[in-house]
């Protein structure tokens, strides 16, 4: 029987100091040992099967990160990954909206 494949809900954002990329991936019903998470400088990949279907996806990141320093924790169906940016963000300029 072929399993259905679907993209998990993913939220990626900068921390308060703009030093780290924070990635949250919802994986309800997945056991920690069944999660495959890979990250490189400009993207990440997730694969996580359940009994009935498989979460799978590949995503680009906004700015280069340092993959070797990624830290991942999984609890209650939520995978939290923190990875530092390769170079810190410069100060952002607020754009006036007309």
PDB file of N, CA and C in Angstrom:
ATOM      1  N   UNK A   1       0.839  -1.186   0.000  1.00  0.00           N
ATOM      2  CA  UNK A   1       0.000   0.000   0.000  1.00  0.00           C
ATOM      3  C   UNK A   1       0.888   1.256   0.000  1.00  0.00           C
ATOM      4  N   UNK A   2       0.635   2.143  -0.928  1.00  0.00           N
ATOM      5  CA  UNK A   2       1.393   3.384  -1.018  1.00  0.00           C
ATOM      6  C   UNK A   2       0.901   4.372   0.014  1.00  0.00           C
ATOM      7  N   UNK A   3       1.838   5.011   0.709  1.00  0.00           N
ATOM      8  CA  UNK A   3       1.464   6.015   1.700  1.00  0.00           C
ATOM      9  C   UNK A   3       1.244   7.358   1.019  1.00  0.00           C
ATOM     10  N   UNK A   4       0.309   8.111   1.542  1.00  0.00           N
ATOM     11  CA  UNK A   4       0.109   9.483   1.094  1.00  0.00           C
ATOM     12  C   UNK A   4       1.266  10.322   1.573  1.00  0.00           C
ATOM     13  N   UNK A   5       1.647  11.323   0.805  1.00  0.00           N
ATOM     14  CA  UNK A   5       2.709  12.253   1.197  1.00  0.00           C
ATOM     15  C   UNK A   5       2.108  13.643   1.328  1.00  0.00           C
ATOM     16  N   UNK A   6       2.554  14.361   2.341  1.00  0.00           N
ATOM     17  CA  UNK A   6       2.072  15.721   2.529  1.00  0.00           C
ATOM     18  C   UNK A   6       3.156  16.590   3.155  1.00  0.00           C
ATOM     19  N   UNK A   7       3.083  17.877   2.871  1.00  0.00           N
ATOM     20  CA  UNK A   7       4.036  18.819   3.459  1.00  0.00           C
ATOM     21  C   UNK A   7       3.601  19.144   4.878  1.00  0.00           C
ATOM     22  N   UNK A   8       4.538  19.167   5.817  1.00  0.00           N
ATOM     23  CA  UNK A   8       4.171  19.555   7.176  1.00  0.00           C
ATOM     24  C   UNK A   8       4.015  21.075   7.274  1.00  0.00           C
ATOM     25  N   UNK A   9       3.352  21.533   8.324  1.00  0.00           N
ATOM     26  CA  UNK A   9       3.286  22.964   8.591  1.00  0.00           C
ATOM     27  C   UNK A   9       4.645  23.409   9.107  1.00  0.00           C
ATOM     28  N   UNK A  10       5.226  24.420   8.447  1.00  0.00           N
ATOM     29  CA  UNK A  10       6.559  24.910   8.784  1.00  0.00           C
ATOM     30  C   UNK A  10       6.491  26.409   9.040  1.00  0.00           C
ATOM     31  N   UNK A  11       7.148  26.851  10.097  1.00  0.00           N
ATOM     32  CA  UNK A  11       7.278  28.272  10.394  1.00  0.00           C
ATOM     33  C   UNK A  11       8.762  28.554  10.636  1.00  0.00           C
ATOM     34  N   UNK A  12       9.338  29.487   9.880  1.00  0.00           N
ATOM     35  CA  UNK A  12      10.753  29.838  10.038  1.00  0.00           C
ATOM     36  C   UNK A  12      10.861  31.340  10.229  1.00  0.00           C
ATOM     37  N   UNK A  13      11.666  31.767  11.220  1.00  0.00           N
ATOM     38  CA  UNK A  13      11.790  33.184  11.544  1.00  0.00           C
ATOM     39  C   UNK A  13      13.107  33.438  12.260  1.00  0.00           C
ATOM     40  N   UNK A  14      13.507  34.704  12.333  1.00  0.00           N
ATOM     41  CA  UNK A  14      14.727  35.095  13.055  1.00  0.00           C
ATOM     42  C   UNK A  14      14.423  35.253  14.534  1.00  0.00           C
ATOM     43  N   UNK A  15      15.422  34.975  15.373  1.00  0.00           N
ATOM     44  CA  UNK A  15      15.243  35.223  16.797  1.00  0.00           C
ATOM     45  C   UNK A  15      15.280  36.734  17.055  1.00  0.00           C
ATOM     46  N   UNK A  16      15.095  37.114  18.308  1.00  0.00           N
ATOM     47  CA  UNK A  16      15.002  38.528  18.676  1.00  0.00           C
ATOM     48  C   UNK A  16      16.259  39.335  18.335  1.00  0.00           C
ATOM     49  N   UNK A  17      17.415  38.698  18.369  1.00  0.00           N
ATOM     50  CA  UNK A  17      18.673  39.404  18.108  1.00  0.00           C
ATOM     51  C   UNK A  17      19.136  39.255  16.656  1.00  0.00           C
ATOM     52  N   UNK A  18      18.338  38.596  15.821  1.00  0.00           N
ATOM     53  CA  UNK A  18      18.689  38.341  14.420  1.00  0.00           C
ATOM     54  C   UNK A  18      20.009  37.580  14.280  1.00  0.00           C
ATOM     55  N   UNK A  19      20.271  36.674  15.221  1.00  0.00           N
ATOM     56  CA  UNK A  19      21.491  35.871  15.195  1.00  0.00           C
ATOM     57  C   UNK A  19      21.238  34.427  14.754  1.00  0.00           C
ATOM     58  N   UNK A  20      20.010  33.959  14.953  1.00  0.00           N
ATOM     59  CA  UNK A  20      19.666  32.566  14.669  1.00  0.00           C
ATOM     60  C   UNK A  20      18.384  32.459  13.865  1.00  0.00           C
ATOM     61  N   UNK A  21      18.338  31.443  13.025  1.00  0.00           N
ATOM     62  CA  UNK A  21      17.109  31.082  12.342  1.00  0.00           C
ATOM     63  C   UNK A  21      16.404  30.058  13.215  1.00  0.00           C
ATOM     64  N   UNK A  22      15.132  30.282  13.486  1.00  0.00           N
ATOM     65  CA  UNK A  22      14.320  29.356  14.268  1.00  0.00           C
ATOM     66  C   UNK A  22      13.355  28.682  13.294  1.00  0.00           C
ATOM     67  N   UNK A  23      13.294  27.367  13.342  1.00  0.00           N
ATOM     68  CA  UNK A  23      12.411  26.602  12.471  1.00  0.00           C
ATOM     69  C   UNK A  23      11.509  25.745  13.360  1.00  0.00           C
ATOM     70  N   UNK A  24      10.205  25.850  13.139  1.00  0.00           N
ATOM     71  CA  UNK A  24       9.236  25.019  13.849  1.00  0.00           C
ATOM     72  C   UNK A  24       8.489  24.187  12.816  1.00  0.00           C
ATOM     73  N   UNK A  25       8.457  22.863  13.029  1.00  0.00           N
ATOM     74  CA  UNK A  25       7.790  21.968  12.088  1.00  0.00           C
ATOM     75  C   UNK A  25       6.805  21.100  12.869  1.00  0.00           C
ATOM     76  N   UNK A  26       5.537  21.166  12.502  1.00  0.00           N
ATOM     77  CA  UNK A  26       4.513  20.367  13.166  1.00  0.00           C
ATOM     78  C   UNK A  26       4.478  18.971  12.549  1.00  0.00           C
ATOM     79  N   UNK A  27       4.660  17.973  13.412  1.00  0.00           N
ATOM     80  CA  UNK A  27       4.688  16.573  12.971  1.00  0.00           C
ATOM     81  C   UNK A  27       3.841  15.707  13.901  1.00  0.00           C
ATOM     82  N   UNK A  28       2.550  15.970  14.007  1.00  0.00           N
ATOM     83  CA  UNK A  28       1.717  15.187  14.919  1.00  0.00           C
ATOM     84  C   UNK A  28       1.683  13.715  14.525  1.00  0.00           C
ATOM     85  N   UNK A  29       1.777  12.866  15.528  1.00  0.00           N
ATOM     86  CA  UNK A  29       1.710  11.429  15.294  1.00  0.00           C
ATOM     87  C   UNK A  29       3.012  10.777  14.871  1.00  0.00           C
ATOM     88  N   UNK A  30       4.103  11.550  14.835  1.00  0.00           N
ATOM     89  CA  UNK A  30       5.397  11.022  14.404  1.00  0.00           C
ATOM     90  C   UNK A  30       6.254  10.688  15.626  1.00  0.00           C
ATOM     91  N   UNK A  31       6.924   9.543  15.580  1.00  0.00           N
ATOM     92  CA  UNK A  31       7.877   9.182  16.632  1.00  0.00           C
ATOM     93  C   UNK A  31       9.223   9.828  16.323  1.00  0.00           C
ATOM     94  N   UNK A  32       9.904  10.280  17.351  1.00  0.00           N
ATOM     95  CA  UNK A  32      11.191  10.980  17.184  1.00  0.00           C
ATOM     96  C   UNK A  32      12.182  10.175  16.349  1.00  0.00           C
ATOM     97  N   UNK A  33      12.251   8.884  16.572  1.00  0.00           N
ATOM     98  CA  UNK A  33      13.224   8.046  15.863  1.00  0.00           C
ATOM     99  C   UNK A  33      12.930   7.918  14.360  1.00  0.00           C
ATOM    100  N   UNK A  34      11.731   8.308  13.939  1.00  0.00           N
ATOM    101  CA  UNK A  34      11.352   8.206  12.532  1.00  0.00           C
ATOM    102  C   UNK A  34      11.579   9.499  11.753  1.00  0.00           C
ATOM    103  N   UNK A  35      12.113  10.529  12.392  1.00  0.00           N
ATOM    104  CA  UNK A  35      12.303  11.824  11.733  1.00  0.00           C
ATOM    105  C   UNK A  35      13.689  11.893  11.095  1.00  0.00           C
ATOM    106  N   UNK A  36      13.717  12.297   9.836  1.00  0.00           N
ATOM    107  CA  UNK A  36      14.965  12.601   9.153  1.00  0.00           C
ATOM    108  C   UNK A  36      14.954  14.102   8.867  1.00  0.00           C
ATOM    109  N   UNK A  37      15.906  14.819   9.428  1.00  0.00           N
ATOM    110  CA  UNK A  37      16.030  16.261   9.200  1.00  0.00           C
ATOM    111  C   UNK A  37      17.456  16.534   8.749  1.00  0.00           C
ATOM    112  N   UNK A  38      17.588  17.140   7.573  1.00  0.00           N
ATOM    113  CA  UNK A  38      18.905  17.489   7.037  1.00  0.00           C
ATOM    114  C   UNK A  38      18.909  18.968   6.722  1.00  0.00           C
ATOM    115  N   UNK A  39      20.046  19.614   6.985  1.00  0.00           N
ATOM    116  CA  UNK A  39      20.148  21.041   6.720  1.00  0.00           C
ATOM    117  C   UNK A  39      21.508  21.347   6.107  1.00  0.00           C
ATOM    118  N   UNK A  40      21.517  22.246   5.150  1.00  0.00           N
ATOM    119  CA  UNK A  40      22.778  22.760   4.639  1.00  0.00           C
ATOM    120  C   UNK A  40      22.712  24.277   4.665  1.00  0.00           C
ATOM    121  N   UNK A  41      23.665  24.936   4.088  1.00  0.00           N
ATOM    122  CA  UNK A  41      23.791  26.387   4.215  1.00  0.00           C
ATOM    123  C   UNK A  41      22.566  27.159   3.726  1.00  0.00           C
ATOM    124  N   UNK A  42      21.871  26.635   2.732  1.00  0.00           N
ATOM    125  CA  UNK A  42      20.781  27.418   2.153  1.00  0.00           C
ATOM    126  C   UNK A  42      19.429  26.704   2.078  1.00  0.00           C
ATOM    127  N   UNK A  43      19.312  25.525   2.698  1.00  0.00           N
ATOM    128  CA  UNK A  43      18.031  24.822   2.646  1.00  0.00           C
ATOM    129  C   UNK A  43      17.984  23.719   3.709  1.00  0.00           C
ATOM    130  N   UNK A  44      16.772  23.181   3.910  1.00  0.00           N
ATOM    131  CA  UNK A  44      16.633  22.021   4.791  1.00  0.00           C
ATOM    132  C   UNK A  44      15.589  21.067   4.227  1.00  0.00           C
ATOM    133  N   UNK A  45      15.644  19.821   4.698  1.00  0.00           N
ATOM    134  CA  UNK A  45      14.797  18.738   4.219  1.00  0.00           C
ATOM    135  C   UNK A  45      14.236  18.000   5.430  1.00  0.00           C
ATOM    136  N   UNK A  46      12.969  17.640   5.346  1.00  0.00           N
ATOM    137  CA  UNK A  46      12.335  16.883   6.423  1.00  0.00           C
ATOM    138  C   UNK A  46      11.594  15.690   5.823  1.00  0.00           C
ATOM    139  N   UNK A  47      11.701  14.551   6.501  1.00  0.00           N
ATOM    140  CA  UNK A  47      10.932  13.360   6.145  1.00  0.00           C
ATOM    141  C   UNK A  47      10.536  12.700   7.451  1.00  0.00           C
ATOM    142  N   UNK A  48       9.248  12.419   7.595  1.00  0.00           N
ATOM    143  CA  UNK A  48       8.775  11.852   8.850  1.00  0.00           C
ATOM    144  C   UNK A  48       7.519  11.017   8.592  1.00  0.00           C
ATOM    145  N   UNK A  49       7.661   9.697   8.585  1.00  0.00           N
ATOM    146  CA  UNK A  49       6.501   8.845   8.323  1.00  0.00           C
ATOM    147  C   UNK A  49       5.658   8.598   9.575  1.00  0.00           C
ATOM    148  N   UNK A  50       4.372   8.444   9.350  1.00  0.00           N
ATOM    149  CA  UNK A  50       3.465   7.968  10.391  1.00  0.00           C
ATOM    150  C   UNK A  50       2.926   6.625   9.897  1.00  0.00           C
ATOM    151  N   UNK A  51       2.000   6.077  10.620  1.00  0.00           N
ATOM    152  CA  UNK A  51       1.413   4.788  10.222  1.00  0.00           C
ATOM    153  C   UNK A  51       0.681   4.899   8.884  1.00  0.00           C
ATOM    154  N   UNK A  52      -0.003   6.026   8.655  1.00  0.00           N
ATOM    155  CA  UNK A  52      -0.877   6.154   7.487  1.00  0.00           C
ATOM    156  C   UNK A  52      -0.338   7.015   6.347  1.00  0.00           C
ATOM    157  N   UNK A  53       0.578   7.917   6.649  1.00  0.00           N
ATOM    158  CA  UNK A  53       1.090   8.812   5.607  1.00  0.00           C
ATOM    159  C   UNK A  53       2.477   9.289   5.980  1.00  0.00           C
ATOM    160  N   UNK A  54       3.067  10.094   5.104  1.00  0.00           N
ATOM    161  CA  UNK A  54       4.438  10.561   5.317  1.00  0.00           C
ATOM    162  C   UNK A  54       4.496  12.079   5.112  1.00  0.00           C
ATOM    163  N   UNK A  55       5.083  12.767   6.105  1.00  0.00           N
ATOM    164  CA  UNK A  55       5.391  14.188   5.936  1.00  0.00           C
ATOM    165  C   UNK A  55       6.711  14.269   5.181  1.00  0.00           C
ATOM    166  N   UNK A  56       6.770  15.138   4.174  1.00  0.00           N
ATOM    167  CA  UNK A  56       8.008  15.290   3.423  1.00  0.00           C
ATOM    168  C   UNK A  56       8.047  16.692   2.825  1.00  0.00           C
ATOM    169  N   UNK A  57       9.246  17.291   2.818  1.00  0.00           N
ATOM    170  CA  UNK A  57       9.377  18.606   2.212  1.00  0.00           C
ATOM    171  C   UNK A  57      10.815  19.078   2.178  1.00  0.00           C
ATOM    172  N   UNK A  58      11.075  19.983   1.257  1.00  0.00           N
ATOM    173  CA  UNK A  58      12.381  20.603   1.108  1.00  0.00           C
ATOM    174  C   UNK A  58      12.151  22.103   1.020  1.00  0.00           C
ATOM    175  N   UNK A  59      12.920  22.894   1.777  1.00  0.00           N
ATOM    176  CA  UNK A  59      12.651  24.318   1.904  1.00  0.00           C
ATOM    177  C   UNK A  59      13.949  25.129   1.818  1.00  0.00           C
ATOM    178  N   UNK A  60      13.864  26.279   1.189  1.00  0.00           N
ATOM    179  CA  UNK A  60      15.000  27.206   1.141  1.00  0.00           C
ATOM    180  C   UNK A  60      14.988  28.061   2.402  1.00  0.00           C
ATOM    181  N   UNK A  61      16.174  28.472   2.861  1.00  0.00           N
ATOM    182  CA  UNK A  61      16.253  29.402   3.988  1.00  0.00           C
ATOM    183  C   UNK A  61      16.617  30.788   3.456  1.00  0.00           C
ATOM    184  N   UNK A  62      16.235  31.808   4.200  1.00  0.00           N
ATOM    185  CA  UNK A  62      16.362  33.181   3.719  1.00  0.00           C
ATOM    186  C   UNK A  62      17.803  33.680   3.638  1.00  0.00           C
ATOM    187  N   UNK A  63      18.651  33.251   4.535  1.00  0.00           N
ATOM    188  CA  UNK A  63      20.046  33.691   4.588  1.00  0.00           C
ATOM    189  C   UNK A  63      20.921  32.489   4.939  1.00  0.00           C
ATOM    190  N   UNK A  64      22.171  32.477   4.522  1.00  0.00           N
ATOM    191  CA  UNK A  64      23.036  31.326   4.826  1.00  0.00           C
ATOM    192  C   UNK A  64      23.171  31.068   6.327  1.00  0.00           C
ATOM    193  N   UNK A  65      23.131  29.790   6.689  1.00  0.00           N
ATOM    194  CA  UNK A  65      23.263  29.381   8.085  1.00  0.00           C
ATOM    195  C   UNK A  65      24.473  28.467   8.239  1.00  0.00           C
ATOM    196  N   UNK A  66      24.813  28.148   9.490  1.00  0.00           N
ATOM    197  CA  UNK A  66      25.930  27.246   9.793  1.00  0.00           C
ATOM    198  C   UNK A  66      25.334  25.894  10.196  1.00  0.00           C
ATOM    199  N   UNK A  67      25.213  24.955   9.262  1.00  0.00           N
ATOM    200  CA  UNK A  67      24.528  23.689   9.530  1.00  0.00           C
ATOM    201  C   UNK A  67      25.119  22.883  10.687  1.00  0.00           C
ATOM    202  N   UNK A  68      26.437  22.915  10.854  1.00  0.00           N
ATOM    203  CA  UNK A  68      27.088  22.128  11.912  1.00  0.00           C
ATOM    204  C   UNK A  68      26.699  22.580  13.310  1.00  0.00           C
ATOM    205  N   UNK A  69      26.131  23.775  13.432  1.00  0.00           N
ATOM    206  CA  UNK A  69      25.752  24.291  14.746  1.00  0.00           C
ATOM    207  C   UNK A  69      24.250  24.245  14.987  1.00  0.00           C
ATOM    208  N   UNK A  70      23.524  23.517  14.141  1.00  0.00           N
ATOM    209  CA  UNK A  70      22.078  23.379  14.311  1.00  0.00           C
ATOM    210  C   UNK A  70      21.770  22.561  15.568  1.00  0.00           C
ATOM    211  N   UNK A  71      20.731  22.973  16.274  1.00  0.00           N
ATOM    212  CA  UNK A  71      20.276  22.289  17.483  1.00  0.00           C
ATOM    213  C   UNK A  71      18.801  21.966  17.295  1.00  0.00           C
ATOM    214  N   UNK A  72      18.425  20.691  17.434  1.00  0.00           N
ATOM    215  CA  UNK A  72      17.039  20.278  17.218  1.00  0.00           C
ATOM    216  C   UNK A  72      16.490  19.568  18.443  1.00  0.00           C
ATOM    217  N   UNK A  73      15.218  19.891  18.756  1.00  0.00           N
ATOM    218  CA  UNK A  73      14.513  19.250  19.869  1.00  0.00           C
ATOM    219  C   UNK A  73      13.121  18.881  19.379  1.00  0.00           C
ATOM    220  N   UNK A  74      12.639  17.711  19.811  1.00  0.00           N
ATOM    221  CA  UNK A  74      11.320  17.245  19.399  1.00  0.00           C
ATOM    222  C   UNK A  74      10.505  16.865  20.620  1.00  0.00           C
ATOM    223  N   UNK A  75       9.317  17.434  20.726  1.00  0.00           N
ATOM    224  CA  UNK A  75       8.412  17.105  21.827  1.00  0.00           C
ATOM    225  C   UNK A  75       6.977  17.413  21.403  1.00  0.00           C
ATOM    226  N   UNK A  76       6.073  16.540  21.783  1.00  0.00           N
ATOM    227  CA  UNK A  76       4.640  16.752  21.564  1.00  0.00           C
ATOM    228  C   UNK A  76       4.287  17.096  20.123  1.00  0.00           C
ATOM    229  N   UNK A  77       4.932  16.431  19.167  1.00  0.00           N
ATOM    230  CA  UNK A  77       4.605  16.632  17.765  1.00  0.00           C
ATOM    231  C   UNK A  77       5.171  17.887  17.133  1.00  0.00           C
ATOM    232  N   UNK A  78       6.101  18.556  17.830  1.00  0.00           N
ATOM    233  CA  UNK A  78       6.687  19.786  17.298  1.00  0.00           C
ATOM    234  C   UNK A  78       8.213  19.679  17.295  1.00  0.00           C
ATOM    235  N   UNK A  79       8.806  19.809  16.111  1.00  0.00           N
ATOM    236  CA  UNK A  79      10.258  19.827  15.963  1.00  0.00           C
ATOM    237  C   UNK A  79      10.708  21.283  15.956  1.00  0.00           C
ATOM    238  N   UNK A  80      11.583  21.640  16.902  1.00  0.00           N
ATOM    239  CA  UNK A  80      12.147  22.989  17.001  1.00  0.00           C
ATOM    240  C   UNK A  80      13.624  22.923  16.661  1.00  0.00           C
ATOM    241  N   UNK A  81      14.031  23.695  15.661  1.00  0.00           N
ATOM    242  CA  UNK A  81      15.428  23.733  15.241  1.00  0.00           C
ATOM    243  C   UNK A  81      15.914  25.171  15.346  1.00  0.00           C
ATOM    244  N   UNK A  82      17.092  25.347  15.941  1.00  0.00           N
ATOM    245  CA  UNK A  82      17.740  26.647  16.006  1.00  0.00           C
ATOM    246  C   UNK A  82      19.098  26.511  15.352  1.00  0.00           C
ATOM    247  N   UNK A  83      19.394  27.406  14.413  1.00  0.00           N
ATOM    248  CA  UNK A  83      20.671  27.358  13.701  1.00  0.00           C
ATOM    249  C   UNK A  83      21.158  28.793  13.495  1.00  0.00           C
ATOM    250  N   UNK A  84      22.439  29.055  13.822  1.00  0.00           N
ATOM    251  CA  UNK A  84      22.946  30.426  13.673  1.00  0.00           C
ATOM    252  C   UNK A  84      23.150  30.822  12.210  1.00  0.00           C
ATOM    253  N   UNK A  85      22.931  32.096  11.947  1.00  0.00           N
ATOM    254  CA  UNK A  85      23.223  32.625  10.617  1.00  0.00           C
ATOM    255  C   UNK A  85      24.728  32.650  10.404  1.00  0.00           C
ATOM    256  N   UNK A  86      25.144  32.491   9.173  1.00  0.00           N
ATOM    257  CA  UNK A  86      26.555  32.534   8.820  1.00  0.00           C
ATOM    258  C   UNK A  86      27.126  33.924   9.078  1.00  0.00           C
ATOM    259  N   UNK A  87      26.368  34.944   8.704  1.00  0.00           N
ATOM    260  CA  UNK A  87      26.745  36.332   8.979  1.00  0.00           C
ATOM    261  C   UNK A  87      25.525  36.993   9.586  1.00  0.00           C
ATOM    262  N   UNK A  88      25.699  37.782  10.635  1.00  0.00           N
ATOM    263  CA  UNK A  88      24.541  38.430  11.254  1.00  0.00           C
ATOM    264  C   UNK A  88      23.847  39.376  10.269  1.00  0.00           C
ATOM    265  N   UNK A  89      22.541  39.527  10.482  1.00  0.00           N
ATOM    266  CA  UNK A  89      21.791  40.502   9.687  1.00  0.00           C
ATOM    267  C   UNK A  89      22.323  41.898   9.943  1.00  0.00           C
ATOM    268  N   UNK A  90      22.301  42.719   8.924  1.00  0.00           N
ATOM    269  CA  UNK A  90      22.600  44.134   9.121  1.00  0.00           C
ATOM    270  C   UNK A  90      21.327  44.789   9.632  1.00  0.00           C
ATOM    271  N   UNK A  91      21.462  45.993  10.131  1.00  0.00           N
ATOM    272  CA  UNK A  91      20.280  46.712  10.601  1.00  0.00           C
ATOM    273  C   UNK A  91      19.296  46.863   9.446  1.00  0.00           C
ATOM    274  N   UNK A  92      18.070  46.553   9.704  1.00  0.00           N
ATOM    275  CA  UNK A  92      17.036  46.668   8.676  1.00  0.00           C
ATOM    276  C   UNK A  92      16.562  48.115   8.579  1.00  0.00           C
ATOM    277  N   UNK A  93      16.147  48.483   7.407  1.00  0.00           N
ATOM    278  CA  UNK A  93      15.615  49.822   7.151  1.00  0.00           C
ATOM    279  C   UNK A  93      14.106  49.694   7.019  1.00  0.00           C
ATOM    280  N   UNK A  94      13.379  50.499   7.785  1.00  0.00           N
ATOM    281  CA  UNK A  94      11.922  50.478   7.711  1.00  0.00           C
ATOM    282  C   UNK A  94      11.496  51.226   6.460  1.00  0.00           C
ATOM    283  N   UNK A  95      10.635  50.615   5.685  1.00  0.00           N
ATOM    284  CA  UNK A  95      10.147  51.214   4.450  1.00  0.00           C
ATOM    285  C   UNK A  95       8.756  51.785   4.688  1.00  0.00           C
ATOM    286  N   UNK A  96       8.578  53.043   4.320  1.00  0.00           N
ATOM    287  CA  UNK A  96       7.274  53.686   4.480  1.00  0.00           C
ATOM    288  C   UNK A  96       6.339  53.155   3.403  1.00  0.00           C
ATOM    289  N   UNK A  97       5.172  52.741   3.814  1.00  0.00           N
ATOM    290  CA  UNK A  97       4.177  52.205   2.887  1.00  0.00           C
ATOM    291  C   UNK A  97       3.190  53.293   2.551  1.00  0.00           C
ATOM    292  N   UNK A  98       2.986  53.539   1.262  1.00  0.00           N
ATOM    293  CA  UNK A  98       2.085  54.606   0.816  1.00  0.00           C
ATOM    294  C   UNK A  98       0.695  54.083   0.592  1.00  0.00           C
TER     295      UNK A  98
END
